[in-house]
């Protein structure tokens, strides 16, 4: 039985249905209940009955589908869909569905050997033919634009050379392919399900071979994941071998961070995501386990629109960067939990990170004012904003409120607006609701002057997605609208470089090129944080994107 109804034993009284007022007041209590039973017999170190238990987990954002190109989807699909590879703590690829892999001498052909006998939960084989179909689905059929953004420029074809041998053919060398495939965007679905089920069915209940299946989804409230009792294909770095130790995961959507934290303290949930910085220390002092993962790739940053508006002038971009004093701002809001980041293109947790780029623009108000004077913004109006020919130095800064930025991120942006006002910038902050943000309402140059946001990644290869010219990368997300063949060549040379030291040197060169031209400036590194109840053990964060892993988790009380 699960916490969604009741427990038979009085000894488990603390795990009765969670009826606390915290989540109820947030209008997020469950409206339906399902009894989940176990056919397996998983056990844990304490000998308790985790096999009948449900983890109640409070996440902050509800995605559109379980599988897809947003990190919030990757966190979910990681529970349901297996991948070819996983990452260990050193960011090295380790076996998952693939037992080993090798590249041809020219780097254009990769061969993956697969585990034998693995089945999708619809009974079909997880074989090379099915996995090849997934690659075509992601890239040629438009099934996942983020997967296509990562490997679409290199991908040529995929085919089965035997039942358990997969061959990937590339247009250009990509030495980090096994590591890239460890991201949650590359979860493997049943090829039969992709062909025979509706798009909506595969959106809400994708068929994989993972540790859990999607039992049901109450939109706006929760997703219930049920243990796959026939699970045989755990990754090499799993903490145990066999099906999940718990019966289910009740994955709740609780947008408000304070509500999530209060629910954990009140024993209404077992784990929460995106821990408020204000509660980080207190939760640790109270004995809750805390996990923090600094995501690699692009940090939370500000990218300037170089195609249209005031930031077409490099001096104005540089002046804005010199006007920022990130360290006191981020430390005040993040209370020392959130890492300060000056690099606008790559997070400090990424291999190939350039500290030089991060330190390119120290806070210097005199320098900022000097640059704005040179750029012709020499007058100020009665409100203290600079003007030029009667036009105010005004910045349009829309941001995805509750999606790309959490509440703390919004607070940091407010601090940014206050800081740059001293040099004469007027920043118009516009919190955009999710539907408008994902609908692309602010995706064109005329709609924004600055783009805030992040892109998680396993290395600095994210530079190609964020800075590729439009004619070279069909899936690029070049939020600066910046076209530079020299920069593009540095990045493509880096992506194709097999020697890791040389590759990272090229990545650093690209970051410094971006910083010198003030195309983007960093604010802070994106975090994935968890706080976990004292009686729930072996929840951990996968090493590609920091998402929670529940396959190994068990209760002791």
Protein backbone atom coordinates (compact mmCIF):
# COMPACT_ATOMS: atom_id res chain seq x y z
CA UNK A 1 0.00 0.00 0.00
CA UNK A 2 1.17 3.57 -0.55
CA UNK A 3 0.97 6.80 1.35
CA UNK A 4 -1.74 7.80 -1.10
CA UNK A 5 -4.18 5.79 1.07
CA UNK A 6 -2.99 4.24 4.29
CA UNK A 7 -0.57 1.78 5.81
CA UNK A 8 -1.76 -1.39 7.46
CA UNK A 9 0.76 -1.35 10.25
CA UNK A 10 0.49 1.10 13.13
CA UNK A 11 4.27 1.06 13.39
CA UNK A 12 4.33 3.08 10.19
CA UNK A 13 2.09 5.83 11.57
CA UNK A 14 4.44 8.62 10.54
CA UNK A 15 4.00 7.53 6.94
CA UNK A 16 0.22 7.79 6.82
CA UNK A 17 -1.35 9.81 4.03
CA UNK A 18 0.15 13.27 3.98
CA UNK A 19 -2.75 15.55 4.87
CA UNK A 20 -0.77 18.52 6.21
CA UNK A 21 -2.09 21.99 5.66
CA UNK A 22 1.05 23.26 3.92
CA UNK A 23 0.43 21.73 0.52
CA UNK A 24 -3.35 21.82 0.95
CA UNK A 25 -3.19 25.59 1.29
CA UNK A 26 -1.21 25.68 -1.94
CA UNK A 27 -4.09 23.80 -3.62
CA UNK A 28 -1.80 20.96 -4.50
CA UNK A 29 -3.27 18.06 -2.53
CA UNK A 30 -4.02 14.91 -4.47
CA UNK A 31 -7.53 14.51 -5.79
CA UNK A 32 -7.18 10.86 -6.66
CA UNK A 33 -5.57 7.91 -4.97
CA UNK A 34 -4.23 4.72 -6.41
CA UNK A 35 -3.16 1.59 -4.58
CA UNK A 36 0.14 0.32 -5.92
CA UNK A 37 1.21 -3.21 -5.16
CA UNK A 38 4.52 -4.92 -5.60
CA UNK A 39 5.26 -8.16 -7.34
CA UNK A 40 8.96 -8.03 -6.55
CA UNK A 41 10.75 -8.42 -3.25
CA UNK A 42 13.31 -5.62 -2.96
CA UNK A 43 14.86 -5.19 0.48
CA UNK A 44 17.02 -2.58 2.14
CA UNK A 45 19.85 -2.56 4.64
CA UNK A 46 17.52 -1.99 7.60
CA UNK A 47 15.24 -4.90 6.68
CA UNK A 48 12.14 -2.69 6.57
CA UNK A 49 9.34 -2.92 4.04
CA UNK A 50 10.40 -0.33 1.47
CA UNK A 51 8.89 -2.65 -1.12
CA UNK A 52 5.44 -1.39 -0.10
CA UNK A 53 6.38 2.24 0.35
CA UNK A 54 6.00 5.36 -1.77
CA UNK A 55 8.44 8.25 -1.86
CA UNK A 56 6.56 11.55 -1.80
CA UNK A 57 8.70 14.08 -3.61
CA UNK A 58 7.98 17.79 -4.16
CA UNK A 59 9.37 19.24 -7.38
CA UNK A 60 8.91 22.84 -8.47
CA UNK A 61 7.98 22.79 -12.16
CA UNK A 62 5.56 20.73 -14.19
CA UNK A 63 6.75 19.98 -17.75
CA UNK A 64 4.57 19.58 -20.79
CA UNK A 65 5.64 15.95 -21.31
CA UNK A 66 7.62 13.35 -19.37
CA UNK A 67 10.17 13.08 -22.18
CA UNK A 68 11.52 16.10 -24.03
CA UNK A 69 14.15 18.78 -24.42
CA UNK A 70 13.81 20.69 -21.15
CA UNK A 71 15.84 19.74 -18.09
CA UNK A 72 12.64 19.38 -16.05
CA UNK A 73 11.60 16.66 -18.49
CA UNK A 74 15.03 15.06 -18.33
CA UNK A 75 14.72 14.75 -14.55
CA UNK A 76 11.48 12.83 -14.97
CA UNK A 77 12.41 10.69 -17.94
CA UNK A 78 15.63 9.61 -16.18
CA UNK A 79 13.38 7.59 -13.84
CA UNK A 80 11.47 5.95 -16.71
CA UNK A 81 13.82 5.66 -19.68
CA UNK A 82 17.23 4.00 -19.74
CA UNK A 83 20.08 5.54 -21.75
CA UNK A 84 23.07 4.18 -23.58
CA UNK A 85 25.47 5.65 -21.03
CA UNK A 86 25.62 7.30 -17.62
CA UNK A 87 28.26 9.56 -16.10
CA UNK A 88 30.37 8.79 -13.06
CA UNK A 89 31.51 11.41 -10.56
CA UNK A 90 34.54 12.22 -12.73
CA UNK A 91 32.26 12.94 -15.72
CA UNK A 92 33.40 9.79 -17.53
CA UNK A 93 30.88 7.75 -19.49
CA UNK A 94 30.03 4.38 -17.90
CA UNK A 95 27.84 1.54 -19.22
CA UNK A 96 24.08 1.58 -19.06
CA UNK A 97 22.21 0.01 -21.98
CA UNK A 98 25.56 -0.08 -23.78
CA UNK A 99 28.22 -2.32 -22.26
CA UNK A 100 31.07 -0.79 -24.26
CA UNK A 101 31.76 1.43 -27.25
CA UNK A 102 34.54 2.43 -29.59
CA UNK A 103 35.24 4.99 -32.28
CA UNK A 104 36.80 4.47 -35.69
CA UNK A 105 40.22 5.99 -36.29
CA UNK A 106 38.74 8.91 -38.23
CA UNK A 107 36.15 9.54 -35.50
CA UNK A 108 33.21 9.23 -37.91
CA UNK A 109 31.85 5.85 -36.83
CA UNK A 110 30.90 4.80 -33.31
CA UNK A 111 30.03 1.23 -32.42
CA UNK A 112 28.04 0.47 -29.26
CA UNK A 113 27.63 -3.07 -27.89
CA UNK A 114 24.33 -3.48 -26.05
CA UNK A 115 23.17 -5.52 -23.08
CA UNK A 116 21.42 -8.69 -24.14
CA UNK A 117 17.86 -9.56 -23.18
CA UNK A 118 16.62 -6.13 -22.06
CA UNK A 119 12.91 -5.50 -22.67
CA UNK A 120 10.81 -2.37 -22.85
CA UNK A 121 7.81 -2.49 -20.55
CA UNK A 122 5.56 -3.17 -23.55
CA UNK A 123 7.46 -6.46 -24.04
CA UNK A 124 9.43 -5.44 -27.13
CA UNK A 125 13.21 -5.80 -27.34
CA UNK A 126 15.66 -3.06 -26.42
CA UNK A 127 17.91 -3.91 -29.34
CA UNK A 128 20.09 -2.02 -31.79
CA UNK A 129 17.26 -1.57 -34.27
CA UNK A 130 15.03 0.06 -31.65
CA UNK A 131 17.79 2.38 -30.47
CA UNK A 132 18.68 3.38 -34.04
CA UNK A 133 15.03 4.32 -34.50
CA UNK A 134 15.30 6.60 -31.46
CA UNK A 135 18.22 8.48 -33.01
CA UNK A 136 16.25 9.08 -36.19
CA UNK A 137 13.21 10.06 -34.14
CA UNK A 138 15.17 12.70 -32.21
CA UNK A 139 16.96 14.25 -35.16
CA UNK A 140 15.26 13.45 -38.45
CA UNK A 141 11.66 13.26 -37.21
CA UNK A 142 11.79 16.26 -34.87
CA UNK A 143 11.14 14.20 -31.76
CA UNK A 144 13.50 16.17 -29.52
CA UNK A 145 15.00 19.48 -30.58
CA UNK A 146 17.46 19.52 -27.67
CA UNK A 147 18.88 16.12 -28.59
CA UNK A 148 19.10 17.43 -32.15
CA UNK A 149 20.81 20.60 -30.93
CA UNK A 150 23.52 18.50 -29.32
CA UNK A 151 24.31 16.08 -32.13
CA UNK A 152 22.24 17.22 -35.11
CA UNK A 153 25.20 18.91 -36.80
CA UNK A 154 27.29 15.74 -36.62
CA UNK A 155 24.67 13.00 -37.00
CA UNK A 156 24.47 11.15 -40.31
CA UNK A 157 22.69 7.88 -39.56
CA UNK A 158 22.24 4.99 -37.15
CA UNK A 159 21.80 1.31 -37.93
CA UNK A 160 21.86 -2.13 -36.35
CA UNK A 161 24.77 -4.23 -37.58
CA UNK A 162 23.53 -7.09 -35.37
CA UNK A 163 20.83 -7.48 -32.75
CA UNK A 164 23.05 -6.04 -30.03
CA UNK A 165 25.45 -3.91 -32.08
CA UNK A 166 24.58 -0.30 -32.88
CA UNK A 167 26.53 1.78 -35.39
CA UNK A 168 26.34 5.58 -35.34
CA UNK A 169 27.71 7.37 -38.40
CA UNK A 170 28.77 11.00 -38.09
CA UNK A 171 29.44 13.79 -40.57
CA UNK A 172 32.28 15.14 -38.43
CA UNK A 173 34.22 13.79 -35.45
CA UNK A 174 32.60 14.16 -32.03
CA UNK A 175 34.87 12.58 -29.37
CA UNK A 176 32.49 13.35 -26.49
CA UNK A 177 29.55 11.45 -27.97
CA UNK A 178 29.34 8.81 -25.17
CA UNK A 179 29.36 11.54 -22.50
CA UNK A 180 26.80 13.62 -24.37
CA UNK A 181 24.42 10.65 -24.60
CA UNK A 182 24.39 10.44 -20.78
CA UNK A 183 22.10 13.48 -20.59
CA UNK A 184 18.43 12.85 -19.93
CA UNK A 185 17.43 14.11 -23.37
CA UNK A 186 18.70 10.82 -24.80
CA UNK A 187 16.39 8.40 -22.99
CA UNK A 188 15.47 5.37 -25.12
CA UNK A 189 11.80 4.69 -25.86
CA UNK A 190 10.09 1.68 -27.37
CA UNK A 191 10.25 2.06 -31.15
CA UNK A 192 6.98 0.13 -31.36
CA UNK A 193 5.31 2.61 -29.01
CA UNK A 194 6.62 5.59 -30.97
CA UNK A 195 5.06 4.13 -34.12
CA UNK A 196 1.75 2.83 -32.81
CA UNK A 197 0.72 5.14 -29.98
CA UNK A 198 -0.51 8.72 -30.21
CA UNK A 199 1.80 11.65 -29.61
CA UNK A 200 -0.15 12.45 -26.44
CA UNK A 201 0.24 8.90 -25.09
CA UNK A 202 3.99 8.99 -25.64
CA UNK A 203 4.10 12.45 -24.09
CA UNK A 204 2.35 11.48 -20.85
CA UNK A 205 3.36 7.83 -20.50
CA UNK A 206 6.49 7.08 -22.56
CA UNK A 207 7.40 3.41 -22.78
CA UNK A 208 10.95 2.69 -21.69
CA UNK A 209 12.92 0.01 -19.90
CA UNK A 210 13.66 2.07 -16.80
CA UNK A 211 13.29 1.55 -13.07
CA UNK A 212 9.78 3.05 -13.03
CA UNK A 213 6.79 3.40 -15.30
CA UNK A 214 4.32 6.28 -15.42
CA UNK A 215 1.20 5.02 -13.64
CA UNK A 216 -0.87 8.19 -14.04
CA UNK A 217 -0.59 11.97 -14.29
CA UNK A 218 -2.92 14.38 -12.52
CA UNK A 219 -2.20 17.56 -14.47
CA UNK A 220 -1.33 20.45 -12.23
CA UNK A 221 -0.79 18.20 -9.23
CA UNK A 222 1.41 15.13 -9.54
CA UNK A 223 2.74 12.20 -11.52
CA UNK A 224 2.76 8.75 -9.94
CA UNK A 225 5.68 6.54 -10.98
CA UNK A 226 5.29 2.82 -10.32
CA UNK A 227 8.16 0.37 -9.86
CA UNK A 228 9.11 -1.72 -12.89
CA UNK A 229 9.31 -5.12 -11.17
CA UNK A 230 11.09 -6.62 -14.20
CA UNK A 231 13.88 -4.04 -14.25
CA UNK A 232 17.20 -5.54 -15.36
CA UNK A 233 19.18 -2.70 -16.94
CA UNK A 234 20.50 -0.41 -14.18
CA UNK A 235 23.55 1.74 -14.99
CA UNK A 236 27.03 0.70 -13.90
CA UNK A 237 27.11 3.37 -11.18
CA UNK A 238 23.81 2.38 -9.56
CA UNK A 239 23.98 1.78 -5.82
CA UNK A 240 22.23 -1.59 -6.07
CA UNK A 241 21.33 -4.18 -8.69
CA UNK A 242 17.70 -5.09 -9.19
CA UNK A 243 14.32 -3.34 -9.35
CA UNK A 244 13.67 -0.20 -7.34
CA UNK A 245 13.40 -0.78 -3.59
CA UNK A 246 10.26 1.32 -3.23
CA UNK A 247 6.87 0.67 -4.78
CA UNK A 248 6.36 4.10 -6.24
CA UNK A 249 7.31 7.76 -6.38
CA UNK A 250 4.58 10.37 -5.93
CA UNK A 251 6.19 13.22 -7.89
CA UNK A 252 4.27 16.33 -6.81
CA UNK A 253 4.42 19.73 -8.46
CA UNK A 254 4.73 22.42 -5.79
CA UNK A 255 5.79 25.69 -7.42
CA UNK A 256 6.37 27.73 -4.26
CA UNK A 257 9.76 27.09 -2.65
CA UNK A 258 8.63 28.04 0.85
CA UNK A 259 5.71 25.62 0.59
CA UNK A 260 8.04 22.79 -0.43
CA UNK A 261 10.41 23.48 2.42
CA UNK A 262 7.61 23.75 4.97
CA UNK A 263 6.13 20.49 3.72
CA UNK A 264 9.43 18.70 4.32
CA UNK A 265 9.76 20.13 7.82
CA UNK A 266 6.17 19.14 8.57
CA UNK A 267 6.82 15.55 7.43
CA UNK A 268 4.36 15.88 4.56
CA UNK A 269 6.90 14.92 1.91
CA UNK A 270 10.09 12.84 1.92
CA UNK A 271 12.24 14.97 -0.38
CA UNK A 272 12.14 18.35 -2.09
CA UNK A 273 13.90 19.94 -5.05
CA UNK A 274 15.24 23.50 -5.37
CA UNK A 275 15.82 24.17 -1.68
CA UNK A 276 15.40 27.86 -0.77
CA UNK A 277 18.75 29.34 0.17
CA UNK A 278 17.22 30.83 3.31
CA UNK A 279 16.40 27.30 4.54
CA UNK A 280 19.60 25.54 3.47
CA UNK A 281 21.49 25.84 6.74
CA UNK A 282 18.47 25.25 8.99
CA UNK A 283 17.54 22.06 7.16
CA UNK A 284 21.09 20.78 7.56
CA UNK A 285 21.09 21.67 11.25
CA UNK A 286 17.81 19.80 11.65
CA UNK A 287 19.39 16.62 10.26
CA UNK A 288 17.91 16.60 6.78
CA UNK A 289 20.28 15.33 4.10
CA UNK A 290 21.17 18.05 1.59
CA UNK A 291 22.56 17.49 -1.88
CA UNK A 292 23.89 20.24 -4.13
CA UNK A 293 24.96 19.90 -7.76
CA UNK A 294 26.33 22.82 -9.78
CA UNK A 295 25.13 22.15 -13.30
CA UNK A 296 27.67 22.38 -16.08
CA UNK A 297 27.15 24.20 -19.35
CA UNK A 298 25.92 27.75 -19.60
CA UNK A 299 25.28 29.46 -16.24
CA UNK A 300 22.48 31.84 -15.39
CA UNK A 301 23.67 34.81 -17.39
CA UNK A 302 22.70 37.86 -19.41
CA UNK A 303 23.18 37.68 -23.18
CA UNK A 304 23.06 40.92 -25.14
CA UNK A 305 21.07 41.37 -28.34
CA UNK A 306 23.79 42.25 -30.85
CA UNK A 307 21.47 42.50 -33.84
CA UNK A 308 19.11 45.30 -32.84
CA UNK A 309 18.94 48.02 -30.19
CA UNK A 310 21.37 49.71 -27.83
CA UNK A 311 23.61 46.68 -27.36
CA UNK A 312 24.74 46.59 -30.97
CA UNK A 313 27.39 48.98 -29.62
CA UNK A 314 30.16 46.99 -27.90
CA UNK A 315 30.99 49.94 -25.64
CA UNK A 316 27.45 49.91 -24.24
CA UNK A 317 27.64 46.15 -23.62
CA UNK A 318 30.93 46.57 -21.83
CA UNK A 319 29.56 49.45 -19.78
CA UNK A 320 26.67 47.29 -18.60
CA UNK A 321 29.11 44.52 -17.64
CA UNK A 322 31.34 46.91 -15.67
CA UNK A 323 28.23 48.25 -13.88
CA UNK A 324 27.51 44.84 -12.34
CA UNK A 325 28.78 43.81 -8.93
CA UNK A 326 27.69 40.18 -8.88
CA UNK A 327 29.40 38.97 -5.74
CA UNK A 328 27.57 40.97 -3.03
CA UNK A 329 24.28 40.68 -4.91
CA UNK A 330 24.36 36.90 -5.37
CA UNK A 331 25.71 36.31 -1.86
CA UNK A 332 22.96 38.45 -0.34
CA UNK A 333 20.18 36.64 -2.16
CA UNK A 334 21.77 33.18 -2.19
CA UNK A 335 23.20 33.35 1.35
CA UNK A 336 26.42 31.72 0.22
CA UNK A 337 24.63 28.71 -1.29
CA UNK A 338 24.47 29.99 -4.87
CA UNK A 339 27.88 30.25 -6.60
CA UNK A 340 28.75 33.64 -8.09
CA UNK A 341 29.63 33.46 -11.80
CA UNK A 342 31.16 36.15 -14.00
CA UNK A 343 31.62 33.97 -17.08
CA UNK A 344 28.70 34.51 -19.41
CA UNK A 345 29.21 31.43 -21.55
CA UNK A 346 30.37 28.48 -19.41
CA UNK A 347 29.74 27.43 -15.81
CA UNK A 348 32.67 26.92 -13.45
CA UNK A 349 31.74 23.24 -13.00
CA UNK A 350 32.33 22.58 -16.72
CA UNK A 351 35.55 21.06 -18.05
CA UNK A 352 37.33 23.68 -20.14
CA UNK A 353 36.12 26.60 -18.00
CA UNK A 354 37.96 29.93 -18.43
CA UNK A 355 38.56 31.86 -15.23
CA UNK A 356 40.05 34.64 -17.33
CA UNK A 357 36.71 35.13 -19.08
CA UNK A 358 34.94 35.13 -15.72
CA UNK A 359 37.19 37.91 -14.42
CA UNK A 360 37.07 40.03 -17.58
CA UNK A 361 34.66 42.64 -16.15
CA UNK A 362 35.28 43.50 -12.49
CA UNK A 363 32.90 46.05 -11.02
CA UNK A 364 34.13 49.46 -12.19
CA UNK A 365 31.58 52.25 -12.24
CA UNK A 366 34.09 54.81 -13.47
CA UNK A 367 34.94 52.61 -16.45
CA UNK A 368 31.25 52.07 -17.18
CA UNK A 369 30.58 55.82 -17.18
CA UNK A 370 33.59 56.47 -19.38
CA UNK A 371 32.42 53.95 -21.97
CA UNK A 372 28.88 55.36 -22.03
CA UNK A 373 30.25 58.86 -22.53
CA UNK A 374 32.31 57.60 -25.48
CA UNK A 375 29.22 55.90 -26.90
CA UNK A 376 27.38 59.23 -26.90
CA UNK A 377 25.08 58.66 -23.93
CA UNK A 378 26.26 61.85 -22.25
CA UNK A 379 23.04 63.37 -20.87
CA UNK A 380 20.81 62.29 -17.98
CA UNK A 381 17.11 62.94 -17.49
CA UNK A 382 15.43 63.97 -14.24
CA UNK A 383 15.26 60.33 -13.13
CA UNK A 384 19.01 59.86 -13.54
CA UNK A 385 18.83 57.71 -16.69
CA UNK A 386 21.21 58.45 -19.52
CA UNK A 387 19.87 59.84 -22.77
CA UNK A 388 21.11 60.32 -26.30
CA UNK A 389 19.30 62.58 -28.79
CA UNK A 390 16.29 62.51 -26.45
CA UNK A 391 16.21 58.70 -26.24
CA UNK A 392 16.50 57.01 -22.85
CA UNK A 393 19.14 54.29 -22.34
CA UNK A 394 16.41 51.72 -21.78
CA UNK A 395 16.82 47.93 -21.61
CA UNK A 396 14.02 45.43 -22.28
CA UNK A 397 14.65 42.37 -20.09
CA UNK A 398 11.91 39.72 -20.20
CA UNK A 399 12.46 36.51 -18.25
CA UNK A 400 10.67 33.21 -17.75
CA UNK A 401 9.26 33.60 -14.25
CA UNK A 402 8.95 30.24 -12.51
CA UNK A 403 10.47 28.41 -15.47
CA UNK A 404 13.94 29.59 -16.48
CA UNK A 405 14.36 31.60 -13.27
CA UNK A 406 13.07 30.73 -9.81
CA UNK A 407 12.08 33.34 -7.21
CA UNK A 408 15.68 33.87 -6.13
CA UNK A 409 16.70 34.41 -9.74
CA UNK A 410 14.00 37.04 -10.11
CA UNK A 411 15.28 38.76 -6.99
CA UNK A 412 18.82 38.78 -8.41
CA UNK A 413 17.53 40.42 -11.61
CA UNK A 414 15.90 43.14 -9.53
CA UNK A 415 19.29 43.73 -7.94
CA UNK A 416 20.88 43.92 -11.39
CA UNK A 417 18.43 46.65 -12.39
CA UNK A 418 19.29 48.63 -9.27
CA UNK A 419 23.04 48.26 -9.77
CA UNK A 420 23.19 49.37 -13.41
CA UNK A 421 20.93 52.32 -12.72
CA UNK A 422 23.95 54.00 -11.11
CA UNK A 423 25.66 54.26 -14.48
CA UNK A 424 22.43 55.40 -16.15
CA UNK A 425 20.72 52.25 -17.50
CA UNK A 426 16.95 51.90 -17.16
CA UNK A 427 16.09 48.19 -17.01
CA UNK A 428 12.48 47.18 -17.66
CA UNK A 429 12.03 43.77 -16.02
CA UNK A 430 9.18 41.75 -17.46
CA UNK A 431 8.30 38.44 -15.74
CA UNK A 432 6.76 36.32 -18.50
CA UNK A 433 4.24 33.54 -17.72
CA UNK A 434 5.21 30.01 -18.86
CA UNK A 435 2.76 29.80 -21.76
CA UNK A 436 4.07 33.00 -23.33
CA UNK A 437 7.70 32.13 -22.64
CA UNK A 438 7.53 28.67 -24.20
CA UNK A 439 5.37 30.05 -27.00
CA UNK A 440 8.31 32.16 -28.17
CA UNK A 441 6.67 35.54 -27.55
CA UNK A 442 10.04 37.09 -26.69
CA UNK A 443 12.25 35.11 -29.04
CA UNK A 444 12.87 37.76 -31.70
CA UNK A 445 15.38 40.66 -31.64
CA UNK A 446 12.68 43.33 -31.49
CA UNK A 447 11.24 41.92 -28.27
CA UNK A 448 14.27 41.99 -26.00
CA UNK A 449 17.64 43.63 -25.37
CA UNK A 450 18.89 41.02 -22.90
CA UNK A 451 18.17 37.31 -22.60
CA UNK A 452 18.64 35.68 -19.17
CA UNK A 453 18.84 31.92 -18.95
CA UNK A 454 20.95 28.77 -18.84
CA UNK A 455 21.72 25.60 -20.81
CA UNK A 456 22.85 22.56 -18.85
CA UNK A 457 25.66 20.53 -20.38
CA UNK A 458 28.33 17.97 -19.59
CA UNK A 459 31.14 20.15 -20.96
CA UNK A 460 31.90 23.39 -22.77
CA UNK A 461 30.51 21.91 -25.98
CA UNK A 462 27.40 23.91 -25.12
CA UNK A 463 29.20 26.80 -26.82
CA UNK A 464 28.24 25.37 -30.22
CA UNK A 465 24.53 25.41 -29.37
CA UNK A 466 24.66 28.94 -27.96
CA UNK A 467 26.95 30.65 -30.48
CA UNK A 468 26.73 28.79 -33.81
CA UNK A 469 25.78 30.93 -36.84
CA UNK A 470 22.28 30.25 -38.08
CA UNK A 471 23.48 28.83 -41.39
CA UNK A 472 25.73 26.29 -39.65
CA UNK A 473 23.42 24.85 -37.02
CA UNK A 474 19.74 24.29 -37.67
CA UNK A 475 18.99 23.82 -33.96
CA UNK A 476 21.19 26.52 -32.44
CA UNK A 477 19.93 28.73 -29.63
CA UNK A 478 21.99 31.82 -30.39
CA UNK A 479 20.26 34.24 -28.03
CA UNK A 480 22.70 37.05 -28.90
CA UNK A 481 21.73 36.80 -32.60
CA UNK A 482 25.47 36.93 -33.14
CA UNK A 483 27.04 35.73 -36.38
CA UNK A 484 30.81 35.21 -36.25
CA UNK A 485 32.61 32.68 -38.42
CA UNK A 486 35.84 33.02 -36.45
CA UNK A 487 34.14 32.12 -33.18
CA UNK A 488 32.27 29.29 -34.89
CA UNK A 489 35.52 27.76 -36.15
CA UNK A 490 37.15 27.87 -32.71
CA UNK A 491 34.18 25.98 -31.25
CA UNK A 492 33.87 23.43 -34.05
CA UNK A 493 37.61 22.76 -33.86
CA UNK A 494 37.20 22.19 -30.12
CA UNK A 495 34.26 19.81 -30.52
CA UNK A 496 36.23 17.71 -33.00
CA UNK A 497 39.48 17.66 -30.99
CA UNK A 498 40.24 14.24 -29.49
CA UNK A 499 43.02 15.44 -27.19
CA UNK A 500 41.21 16.67 -24.09
CA UNK A 501 43.83 19.25 -23.09
CA UNK A 502 43.83 20.76 -26.57
CA UNK A 503 40.04 20.65 -26.67
CA UNK A 504 39.72 22.53 -23.38
CA UNK A 505 42.29 25.11 -24.51
CA UNK A 506 40.13 25.83 -27.55
CA UNK A 507 37.00 26.04 -25.41
CA UNK A 508 38.75 28.59 -23.17
CA UNK A 509 39.81 30.57 -26.23
CA UNK A 510 36.17 30.73 -27.35
CA UNK A 511 35.00 31.91 -23.93
CA UNK A 512 37.60 34.66 -23.88
CA UNK A 513 36.62 35.72 -27.41
CA UNK A 514 33.01 36.05 -26.19
CA UNK A 515 34.06 37.93 -23.05
CA UNK A 516 36.33 40.38 -24.90
CA UNK A 517 33.38 41.42 -27.06
CA UNK A 518 31.01 41.53 -24.04
CA UNK A 519 28.47 39.30 -25.77
CA UNK A 520 27.29 37.85 -22.47
CA UNK A 521 28.03 38.32 -18.78
CA UNK A 522 27.50 35.81 -15.99
CA UNK A 523 25.48 36.19 -12.80
CA UNK A 524 25.49 32.87 -10.96
CA UNK A 525 25.76 29.14 -11.56
CA UNK A 526 22.58 27.15 -11.82
CA UNK A 527 22.05 24.67 -8.99
CA UNK A 528 20.20 21.42 -8.58
CA UNK A 529 19.53 21.02 -4.85
CA UNK A 530 17.71 18.39 -2.82
CA UNK A 531 16.72 18.08 0.83
CA UNK A 532 15.77 14.61 2.02
CA UNK A 533 14.02 13.17 5.08
CA UNK A 534 16.14 11.47 7.72
CA UNK A 535 14.53 8.07 7.13
CA UNK A 536 14.99 8.03 3.34
CA UNK A 537 18.38 6.84 2.13
CA UNK A 538 20.38 6.47 -1.08
CA UNK A 539 18.67 9.19 -3.05
CA UNK A 540 21.45 10.66 -5.16
CA UNK A 541 22.00 13.06 -8.05
CA UNK A 542 22.98 11.75 -11.44
CA UNK A 543 26.18 13.27 -12.74
CA UNK A 544 25.07 14.68 -16.08
CA UNK A 545 22.48 17.22 -14.91
CA UNK A 546 22.06 16.73 -11.18
CA UNK A 547 18.59 15.20 -11.30
CA UNK A 548 17.33 13.00 -8.45
CA UNK A 549 17.71 9.22 -8.76
CA UNK A 550 15.14 7.13 -6.88
CA UNK A 551 16.00 3.63 -8.14
CA UNK A 552 18.28 2.94 -5.16
CA UNK A 553 16.32 4.71 -2.43
CA UNK A 554 14.88 2.98 0.62
CA UNK A 555 13.26 3.79 3.97
CA UNK A 556 14.50 2.79 7.43
CA UNK A 557 11.40 3.77 9.46
